[in-house]
N, C-alpha and C. Protein backbone atom coordinates (compact mmCIF):
# COMPACT_ATOMS: atom_id res chain seq x y z
N UNK A 1 -22.63 49.51 -27.49
CA UNK A 1 -21.39 49.43 -26.25
C UNK A 1 -21.14 48.05 -26.55
N UNK A 2 -19.26 47.28 -26.35
CA UNK A 2 -19.81 46.44 -25.90
C UNK A 2 -19.76 46.45 -24.54
N UNK A 3 -19.88 45.60 -23.41
CA UNK A 3 -18.89 45.97 -22.69
C UNK A 3 -18.23 44.37 -21.72
N UNK A 4 -17.07 45.36 -21.31
CA UNK A 4 -16.24 43.92 -21.25
C UNK A 4 -16.55 42.66 -19.82
N UNK A 5 -15.94 42.54 -19.98
CA UNK A 5 -16.23 41.74 -18.17
C UNK A 5 -15.38 40.68 -18.02
N UNK A 6 -14.45 41.57 -16.81
CA UNK A 6 -13.53 41.14 -15.85
C UNK A 6 -13.51 39.80 -15.19
N UNK A 7 -13.30 38.87 -15.27
CA UNK A 7 -13.49 37.75 -14.75
C UNK A 7 -11.97 37.46 -13.69
N UNK A 8 -11.95 37.84 -12.55
CA UNK A 8 -10.46 36.82 -11.81
C UNK A 8 -10.29 36.70 -12.12
N UNK A 9 -8.47 36.29 -12.07
CA UNK A 9 -7.95 34.13 -12.23
C UNK A 9 -8.26 33.82 -11.24
N UNK A 10 -8.50 32.40 -11.11
CA UNK A 10 -8.13 31.81 -10.14
C UNK A 10 -6.84 31.50 -9.09
N UNK A 11 -6.92 31.40 -7.75
CA UNK A 11 -5.31 31.07 -7.03
C UNK A 11 -5.03 29.91 -7.72
N UNK A 12 -3.80 29.59 -7.41
CA UNK A 12 -3.33 27.63 -7.11
C UNK A 12 -4.63 27.03 -5.85
N UNK A 13 -5.07 27.58 -5.01
CA UNK A 13 -4.96 27.11 -4.47
C UNK A 13 -6.49 26.48 -4.33
N UNK A 14 -7.52 27.62 -5.08
CA UNK A 14 -8.75 27.68 -6.44
C UNK A 14 -8.68 26.72 -7.36
N UNK A 15 -7.75 26.66 -7.63
CA UNK A 15 -7.44 25.78 -9.72
C UNK A 15 -6.88 24.53 -8.87
N UNK A 16 -6.98 23.77 -7.38
CA UNK A 16 -6.77 23.31 -7.39
C UNK A 16 -7.19 22.56 -6.06
N UNK A 17 -8.57 22.36 -5.62
CA UNK A 17 -9.40 22.26 -4.87
C UNK A 17 -9.29 20.44 -5.32
N UNK A 18 -9.60 20.08 -4.26
CA UNK A 18 -9.45 19.10 -4.23
C UNK A 18 -10.66 18.73 -3.44
N UNK A 19 -11.79 17.92 -3.37
CA UNK A 19 -12.74 17.90 -2.88
C UNK A 19 -13.22 15.93 -2.47
N UNK A 20 -12.97 15.71 -1.60
CA UNK A 20 -13.85 14.39 -0.92
C UNK A 20 -15.02 13.48 -2.76
N UNK A 21 -14.29 12.64 -2.82
CA UNK A 21 -15.36 11.27 -3.09
C UNK A 21 -16.78 11.66 -2.52
N UNK A 22 -18.18 11.43 -2.59
CA UNK A 22 -19.12 10.58 -1.90
C UNK A 22 -18.65 9.56 -1.41
N UNK A 23 -19.69 9.51 -0.41
CA UNK A 23 -19.76 8.12 -0.04
C UNK A 23 -21.10 7.28 0.27
N UNK A 24 -22.11 7.87 -1.21
CA UNK A 24 -23.34 7.41 -1.03
C UNK A 24 -23.10 5.89 -2.62
N UNK A 25 -23.93 5.10 -1.36
CA UNK A 25 -24.14 3.28 -2.10
C UNK A 25 -24.85 2.98 -2.89
N UNK A 26 -24.93 2.70 -3.82
CA UNK A 26 -25.70 2.31 -4.63
C UNK A 26 -26.18 1.11 -4.29
N UNK A 27 -27.40 0.55 -3.82
CA UNK A 27 -28.07 -0.91 -3.18
C UNK A 27 -28.35 -1.53 -4.71
N UNK A 28 -28.19 -2.50 -5.29
CA UNK A 28 -28.31 -3.49 -6.46
C UNK A 28 -29.35 -4.53 -6.27
N UNK A 29 -30.65 -4.71 -6.66
CA UNK A 29 -30.92 -6.02 -6.77
C UNK A 29 -29.59 -7.22 -7.37
N UNK A 30 -29.32 -8.47 -7.13
CA UNK A 30 -29.04 -8.94 -7.57
C UNK A 30 -29.29 -9.22 -9.18
N UNK A 31 -30.29 -9.33 -9.67
CA UNK A 31 -30.85 -9.84 -11.04
C UNK A 31 -30.78 -8.63 -11.90
N UNK A 32 -30.47 -7.55 -11.49
CA UNK A 32 -30.18 -6.35 -12.23
C UNK A 32 -29.24 -5.18 -13.53
N UNK A 33 -28.99 -5.11 -14.37
CA UNK A 33 -28.28 -5.71 -15.54
C UNK A 33 -27.42 -4.30 -14.88
N UNK A 34 -28.19 -3.58 -15.22
CA UNK A 34 -28.32 -1.59 -15.25
C UNK A 34 -29.04 -0.87 -14.20
N UNK A 35 -29.10 -0.43 -13.27
CA UNK A 35 -29.60 0.02 -12.54
C UNK A 35 -29.36 1.60 -12.51
N UNK A 36 -30.67 1.94 -12.04
CA UNK A 36 -30.92 4.23 -12.66
C UNK A 36 -31.51 4.04 -11.43
N UNK A 37 -30.65 4.93 -10.43
CA UNK A 37 -31.64 5.18 -9.18
C UNK A 37 -32.91 6.15 -8.89
N UNK A 38 -33.73 5.51 -8.89
CA UNK A 38 -35.29 6.69 -8.97
C UNK A 38 -35.01 7.26 -7.40
N UNK A 39 -35.20 8.45 -6.98
CA UNK A 39 -35.96 9.44 -5.89
C UNK A 39 -35.85 8.39 -4.72
N UNK A 40 -35.18 8.38 -3.15
CA UNK A 40 -35.44 7.20 -2.79
C UNK A 40 -35.42 5.81 -2.67
N UNK A 41 -34.40 5.51 -4.11
CA UNK A 41 -34.21 4.33 -3.81
C UNK A 41 -31.86 4.21 -3.52
N UNK A 42 -32.09 5.34 -2.72
CA UNK A 42 -30.20 5.67 -2.73
C UNK A 42 -29.62 5.72 -0.34
N UNK A 43 -29.37 5.23 -0.99
CA UNK A 43 -28.95 4.76 0.51
C UNK A 43 -27.85 5.72 1.10
N UNK A 44 -27.66 6.36 2.21
CA UNK A 44 -26.64 6.40 2.23
C UNK A 44 -26.02 6.01 3.48
N UNK A 45 -24.86 5.47 3.81
CA UNK A 45 -23.89 4.55 4.90
C UNK A 45 -23.23 6.13 4.96
N UNK A 46 -23.24 5.76 6.83
CA UNK A 46 -22.56 6.62 7.76
C UNK A 46 -21.35 6.23 8.47
N UNK A 47 -21.08 4.85 7.81
CA UNK A 47 -19.74 4.25 7.92
C UNK A 47 -18.38 4.78 7.21
N UNK A 48 -17.03 5.14 6.63
CA UNK A 48 -16.84 5.08 5.85
C UNK A 48 -16.13 3.58 5.09
N UNK A 49 -15.85 4.17 3.86
CA UNK A 49 -15.84 3.72 2.73
C UNK A 49 -14.79 2.30 2.97
N UNK A 50 -13.30 3.52 2.78
CA UNK A 50 -11.84 2.84 3.01
C UNK A 50 -11.58 3.19 4.18
N UNK A 51 -10.93 2.94 4.84
CA UNK A 51 -9.87 4.09 5.91
C UNK A 51 -8.37 4.02 5.78
N UNK A 52 -8.50 5.10 6.47
CA UNK A 52 -7.26 6.00 5.22
C UNK A 52 -5.28 5.28 6.74
N UNK A 53 -4.85 4.99 5.76
CA UNK A 53 -3.77 3.56 6.45
C UNK A 53 -3.09 5.32 7.13
N UNK A 54 -1.75 5.41 8.01
CA UNK A 54 -1.67 6.09 8.82
C UNK A 54 0.47 5.27 9.19
N UNK A 55 0.69 6.52 8.44
CA UNK A 55 2.40 6.16 8.13
C UNK A 55 2.42 6.93 9.54
N UNK A 56 3.84 6.20 9.83
CA UNK A 56 4.75 7.51 11.32
C UNK A 56 5.58 8.38 9.80
N UNK A 57 5.44 9.72 10.73
CA UNK A 57 6.33 10.34 9.80
C UNK A 57 7.76 10.85 9.74
N UNK A 58 8.17 10.84 8.71
CA UNK A 58 9.75 10.08 8.16
C UNK A 58 10.45 12.23 8.26
N UNK A 59 11.59 12.71 9.14
CA UNK A 59 11.99 13.36 8.74
C UNK A 59 12.96 13.59 7.18
N UNK A 60 13.08 12.57 7.26
CA UNK A 60 13.90 12.56 6.17
C UNK A 60 13.94 12.38 4.46
N UNK A 61 14.34 12.47 2.99
CA UNK A 61 14.22 12.88 2.38
C UNK A 61 15.31 11.20 1.81
N UNK A 62 14.45 10.14 1.74
CA UNK A 62 15.11 8.79 1.58
C UNK A 62 15.10 7.84 0.98
N UNK A 63 15.30 9.27 -0.40
CA UNK A 63 15.46 8.47 -2.40
C UNK A 63 16.89 7.42 -1.66
N UNK A 64 17.94 8.02 -2.49
CA UNK A 64 19.03 7.03 -2.10
C UNK A 64 20.13 6.78 -0.71
N UNK A 65 19.16 6.92 0.45
CA UNK A 65 19.88 6.84 1.50
C UNK A 65 19.10 5.33 2.41
N UNK A 66 20.16 5.37 2.88
CA UNK A 66 19.79 3.76 4.47
C UNK A 66 19.67 4.73 5.76
N UNK A 67 18.96 3.24 6.65
CA UNK A 67 18.83 3.79 8.04
C UNK A 67 20.14 2.80 8.56
N UNK A 68 20.45 3.31 9.42
CA UNK A 68 21.33 2.96 10.29
C UNK A 68 21.33 3.16 11.73
N UNK A 69 21.96 2.77 12.45
CA UNK A 69 21.90 2.78 14.16
C UNK A 69 23.09 3.39 14.38
N UNK A 70 23.49 3.57 15.79
CA UNK A 70 24.56 3.88 15.72
C UNK A 70 26.02 3.12 16.15
N UNK A 71 25.36 1.63 16.67
CA UNK A 71 25.85 0.97 16.67
C UNK A 71 26.85 0.87 15.18
N UNK A 72 26.24 0.38 14.72
CA UNK A 72 27.30 0.76 13.08
C UNK A 72 27.78 1.28 12.73
N UNK A 73 27.88 2.59 13.08
CA UNK A 73 28.94 3.24 12.83
C UNK A 73 29.95 3.25 14.13
N UNK A 74 29.61 2.87 15.27
CA UNK A 74 31.20 2.79 16.11
C UNK A 74 31.23 1.69 15.62
N UNK A 75 30.76 0.47 14.93
CA UNK A 75 31.73 -0.82 15.17
C UNK A 75 32.47 -1.34 14.26
N UNK A 76 31.57 -1.18 12.75
CA UNK A 76 31.67 -1.77 11.22
C UNK A 76 32.34 0.23 10.47
N UNK A 77 32.51 1.04 11.26
CA UNK A 77 33.17 2.34 10.06
C UNK A 77 34.42 2.19 10.26
N UNK A 78 35.29 3.21 8.79
CA UNK A 78 36.43 3.78 10.01
C UNK A 78 35.85 4.89 10.51
N UNK A 79 37.17 5.63 10.67
CA UNK A 79 37.29 7.27 11.23
C UNK A 79 38.20 7.96 9.37
N UNK A 80 38.51 8.61 9.15
CA UNK A 80 38.60 9.30 7.87
C UNK A 80 39.68 10.08 8.56
N UNK A 81 39.95 10.42 7.64
CA UNK A 81 41.38 10.88 7.31
C UNK A 81 42.04 12.43 6.74
N UNK A 82 42.39 13.29 6.98
CA UNK A 82 43.36 14.02 6.02
C UNK A 82 44.10 12.94 4.53
N UNK A 83 43.85 13.52 3.43
CA UNK A 83 44.57 12.86 2.37
C UNK A 83 46.08 12.88 2.73
N UNK A 84 46.10 14.59 3.22
CA UNK A 84 47.17 15.26 3.17
C UNK A 84 48.19 15.06 3.44
N UNK A 85 47.54 14.91 5.37
CA UNK A 85 49.01 14.69 6.26
C UNK A 85 48.39 13.30 7.03
N UNK A 86 47.56 12.76 6.47
CA UNK A 86 46.56 11.47 7.22
C UNK A 86 46.70 11.94 8.90
N UNK A 87 45.67 13.05 8.92
CA UNK A 87 45.39 13.52 10.47
C UNK A 87 43.95 13.46 10.17
N UNK A 88 43.62 12.18 11.37
CA UNK A 88 42.23 11.95 12.21
C UNK A 88 41.30 13.22 11.82
N UNK A 89 40.21 13.15 11.45
CA UNK A 89 39.31 14.22 11.26
C UNK A 89 37.80 13.33 11.93
N UNK A 90 36.68 14.18 12.39
CA UNK A 90 35.64 14.17 13.22
C UNK A 90 35.10 12.81 12.58
N UNK A 91 34.58 11.78 13.39
CA UNK A 91 33.88 10.33 12.65
C UNK A 91 32.30 11.22 12.59
N UNK A 92 31.88 9.66 11.99
CA UNK A 92 30.22 10.76 12.50
C UNK A 92 29.23 10.45 13.63
N UNK A 93 30.35 9.31 13.38
CA UNK A 93 29.43 8.60 15.07
C UNK A 93 30.57 9.03 16.71
N UNK A 94 30.90 10.01 16.52
CA UNK A 94 32.21 11.11 17.69
C UNK A 94 31.01 12.52 17.00
N UNK A 95 30.75 12.70 15.94
CA UNK A 95 29.73 13.68 15.61
C UNK A 95 28.48 14.26 16.62
N UNK A 96 28.09 12.93 15.84
CA UNK A 96 25.82 12.44 16.80
C UNK A 96 27.03 12.47 17.98
N UNK A 97 27.96 11.40 18.70
CA UNK A 97 27.45 11.64 20.68
C UNK A 97 27.60 13.48 20.45
N UNK A 98 29.31 13.73 20.29
CA UNK A 98 29.41 15.42 20.30
C UNK A 98 27.78 16.65 20.89
N UNK A 99 26.58 15.73 19.68
CA UNK A 99 25.46 16.71 19.78
C UNK A 99 24.76 15.76 20.29
N UNK A 100 24.91 15.01 20.88
CA UNK A 100 23.51 13.76 21.39
C UNK A 100 23.81 14.96 23.35
N UNK A 101 25.52 14.50 23.52
CA UNK A 101 25.64 15.66 24.95
C UNK A 101 25.64 17.42 25.54
N UNK A 102 25.22 17.80 23.98
CA UNK A 102 25.59 18.99 23.98
C UNK A 102 23.81 19.33 24.48
N UNK A 103 23.01 18.49 23.15
CA UNK A 103 21.28 18.66 23.39
C UNK A 103 21.36 18.26 25.68
N UNK A 104 22.05 17.23 25.63
CA UNK A 104 21.59 17.14 27.16
C UNK A 104 21.97 17.61 28.36
N UNK A 105 23.10 18.92 27.85
CA UNK A 105 22.94 19.52 28.88
C UNK A 105 22.22 20.23 28.76
N UNK A 106 22.39 20.99 27.68
CA UNK A 106 21.40 22.55 26.82
C UNK A 106 19.63 21.75 27.15
N UNK A 107 19.36 20.83 26.98
CA UNK A 107 18.19 20.63 27.55
C UNK A 107 18.05 19.11 29.16
N UNK A 108 18.85 19.63 30.20
CA UNK A 108 18.71 18.99 31.65
C UNK A 108 17.57 17.91 31.75
N UNK A 109 15.94 18.05 31.72
CA UNK A 109 14.82 18.41 32.58
C UNK A 109 14.02 17.27 30.95
N UNK A 110 15.08 17.23 30.18
CA UNK A 110 14.25 16.44 28.80
C UNK A 110 14.50 15.78 28.25
N UNK A 111 14.00 14.05 28.18
CA UNK A 111 13.47 13.19 27.81
C UNK A 111 14.19 13.42 26.14
N UNK A 112 15.76 12.70 25.83
CA UNK A 112 15.79 13.18 24.57
C UNK A 112 16.26 11.21 23.48
N UNK A 113 15.88 11.29 22.51
CA UNK A 113 15.03 10.24 21.46
C UNK A 113 16.91 9.37 21.30
N UNK A 114 16.54 8.22 20.31
CA UNK A 114 18.14 8.26 19.86
C UNK A 114 18.13 8.55 18.48
N UNK A 115 18.98 9.18 18.12
CA UNK A 115 18.66 9.14 16.99
C UNK A 115 18.63 8.83 15.36
N UNK A 116 17.92 9.40 15.12
CA UNK A 116 17.68 8.83 13.50
C UNK A 116 18.61 8.82 12.98
N UNK A 117 19.41 8.01 12.00
CA UNK A 117 20.67 7.95 11.16
C UNK A 117 20.49 7.74 9.70
N UNK A 118 20.97 8.38 9.19
CA UNK A 118 20.48 7.93 7.43
C UNK A 118 22.00 8.08 6.98
N UNK A 119 22.34 7.78 5.82
CA UNK A 119 23.39 7.42 5.60
C UNK A 119 23.89 7.06 3.57
N UNK A 120 24.52 7.33 3.17
CA UNK A 120 24.28 7.49 1.50
C UNK A 120 25.73 7.60 1.02
N UNK A 121 26.16 7.39 -0.43
CA UNK A 121 27.33 6.86 -0.97
C UNK A 121 28.50 6.53 0.18
N UNK A 122 28.52 4.61 0.06
CA UNK A 122 29.21 3.88 0.97
C UNK A 122 30.40 3.88 0.27
N UNK A 123 31.62 4.40 0.66
CA UNK A 123 33.17 3.90 0.47
C UNK A 123 33.05 2.63 0.99
N UNK A 124 34.15 1.83 -0.33
CA UNK A 124 34.41 0.83 0.52
C UNK A 124 35.73 0.91 -0.02
N UNK A 125 36.47 0.40 1.50
CA UNK A 125 37.71 -0.25 1.79
C UNK A 125 38.64 -1.56 1.91
N UNK A 126 39.55 -1.10 2.53
CA UNK A 126 40.49 -1.99 2.40
C UNK A 126 41.44 -2.15 3.89
N UNK A 127 42.28 -2.26 5.00
CA UNK A 127 42.98 -2.74 6.06
C UNK A 127 44.57 -2.94 4.89
N UNK A 128 45.70 -1.88 5.33
CA UNK A 128 46.73 -1.39 4.93
C UNK A 128 47.13 -2.78 4.81
N UNK A 129 47.15 -4.19 5.49
CA UNK A 129 47.88 -5.43 4.33
C UNK A 129 47.17 -6.11 3.87
N UNK A 130 46.14 -5.82 3.58
CA UNK A 130 45.48 -5.91 2.11
C UNK A 130 45.32 -5.84 0.56
N UNK A 131 46.42 -4.94 1.22
CA UNK A 131 45.78 -3.53 -0.03
C UNK A 131 46.27 -4.13 -1.33
N UNK A 132 47.96 -5.38 -1.91
CA UNK A 132 47.57 -6.03 -3.22
C UNK A 132 47.14 -7.33 -3.40
N UNK A 133 45.91 -7.82 -2.85
CA UNK A 133 44.56 -8.67 -2.70
C UNK A 133 43.85 -8.14 -3.40
N UNK A 134 43.30 -9.04 -4.73
CA UNK A 134 41.90 -9.20 -5.09
C UNK A 134 40.94 -9.19 -4.31
N UNK A 135 40.27 -8.37 -5.13
CA UNK A 135 38.71 -7.83 -4.55
C UNK A 135 38.43 -9.27 -4.18
N UNK A 136 37.98 -10.47 -4.35
CA UNK A 136 37.22 -11.14 -4.21
C UNK A 136 38.20 -12.82 -3.28
N UNK A 137 39.09 -11.72 -3.22
CA UNK A 137 40.48 -12.49 -1.86
C UNK A 137 40.49 -12.17 -0.37
N UNK A 138 39.94 -10.67 -0.29
CA UNK A 138 39.60 -9.80 0.31
C UNK A 138 39.14 -11.11 1.61
N UNK A 139 39.56 -11.50 3.16
CA UNK A 139 38.50 -11.57 3.93
C UNK A 139 38.17 -10.48 4.38
N UNK A 140 36.12 -10.85 5.75
CA UNK A 140 36.32 -9.82 6.23
C UNK A 140 36.43 -8.83 7.28
N UNK A 141 37.11 -9.11 7.85
CA UNK A 141 38.51 -8.24 8.51
C UNK A 141 39.01 -7.19 7.87
N UNK A 142 39.33 -7.50 6.08
CA UNK A 142 40.49 -6.88 5.90
C UNK A 142 39.46 -5.45 5.12
N UNK A 143 38.16 -5.69 4.80
CA UNK A 143 36.88 -4.93 4.49
C UNK A 143 37.22 -3.64 5.35
N UNK A 144 36.67 -2.38 4.85
CA UNK A 144 36.33 -1.13 5.33
C UNK A 144 35.34 -0.92 4.85
N UNK A 145 33.86 0.35 5.81
CA UNK A 145 33.86 0.61 5.50
C UNK A 145 33.44 1.99 5.51
N UNK A 146 32.52 3.06 5.22
CA UNK A 146 33.10 4.69 5.36
C UNK A 146 31.41 4.97 4.59
N UNK A 147 31.12 6.35 4.92
CA UNK A 147 30.24 6.96 4.05
C UNK A 147 30.20 8.35 4.20
N UNK A 148 30.14 8.25 2.55
CA UNK A 148 29.90 10.17 2.68
C UNK A 148 29.36 10.75 2.91
N UNK A 149 28.64 10.62 2.81
CA UNK A 149 27.25 11.78 3.17
C UNK A 149 26.48 11.21 4.90
N UNK A 150 26.58 12.06 5.83
CA UNK A 150 24.99 11.20 6.64
C UNK A 150 24.13 12.19 7.01
N UNK A 151 23.37 12.31 7.39
CA UNK A 151 22.84 12.93 8.21
C UNK A 151 21.46 12.14 9.24
N UNK A 152 21.36 13.37 10.37
CA UNK A 152 20.65 12.69 11.90
C UNK A 152 19.41 13.75 12.40
N UNK A 153 18.97 13.06 13.35
CA UNK A 153 18.06 13.62 14.03
C UNK A 153 18.15 13.16 15.14
N UNK A 154 18.05 14.13 16.34
CA UNK A 154 17.82 14.03 17.77
C UNK A 154 16.55 15.05 17.96
N UNK A 155 15.19 14.02 18.28
CA UNK A 155 14.44 13.68 18.80
C UNK A 155 14.26 14.59 20.52
N UNK A 156 13.48 15.76 20.84
CA UNK A 156 12.73 16.14 21.70
C UNK A 156 11.50 15.98 22.49
N UNK A 157 10.76 14.93 22.56
CA UNK A 157 9.64 14.87 22.58
C UNK A 157 9.16 15.79 22.63
N UNK A 158 9.44 16.48 24.82
CA UNK A 158 7.87 17.25 25.06
C UNK A 158 8.59 18.88 24.26
N UNK A 159 9.70 18.82 23.20
CA UNK A 159 9.54 20.42 22.86
C UNK A 159 8.68 20.55 21.18
N UNK A 160 7.64 20.99 21.27
CA UNK A 160 7.44 21.07 19.52
C UNK A 160 6.95 22.12 19.40
N UNK A 161 6.39 22.76 18.18
CA UNK A 161 5.76 23.61 17.73
C UNK A 161 5.29 23.75 16.54
N UNK A 162 4.12 24.47 16.46
CA UNK A 162 3.15 24.71 15.04
C UNK A 162 3.39 25.41 14.58
N UNK A 163 3.83 25.49 13.14
CA UNK A 163 4.31 26.46 12.39
C UNK A 163 3.04 26.20 11.18
N UNK A 164 2.69 27.36 11.25
CA UNK A 164 2.08 27.87 10.16
C UNK A 164 0.87 26.66 9.82
N UNK A 165 -0.15 26.71 11.34
CA UNK A 165 -1.20 25.16 11.71
C UNK A 165 -0.62 24.36 11.67
């Protein structure tokens, strides 16, 4: 009678278990072309072979965005309006400043970092006086910029939490 063996499938964690490569160094003589180490001819160094580069943790997906500062939004970008009635909307810089004020009111005893801002989908425009000019003839003061998408983060360094280890 045949006996069936039940083999449990590996989990994803077990299937993709990556282990570091051994840091064993084989010392060879300068004249050796092929060297097969004999027992006792291996020397293991206690220092790491490579140092890992530390990268700063960025909370954003940086794919097609660019980093800007609040001064750029204040000084070089226009304030959008509703096309229906030309009524002013809240600008990116106003929204960030209002958020900063709210954070300062809720956490008055904590220091707050400068906002990290990322934008994408730049919309180029022009002032009303330059509406009939060719693009090549526009002067710098006649050009306008607006970003369709904006994301920002304001960090409070004293407040942290560890999630899932």
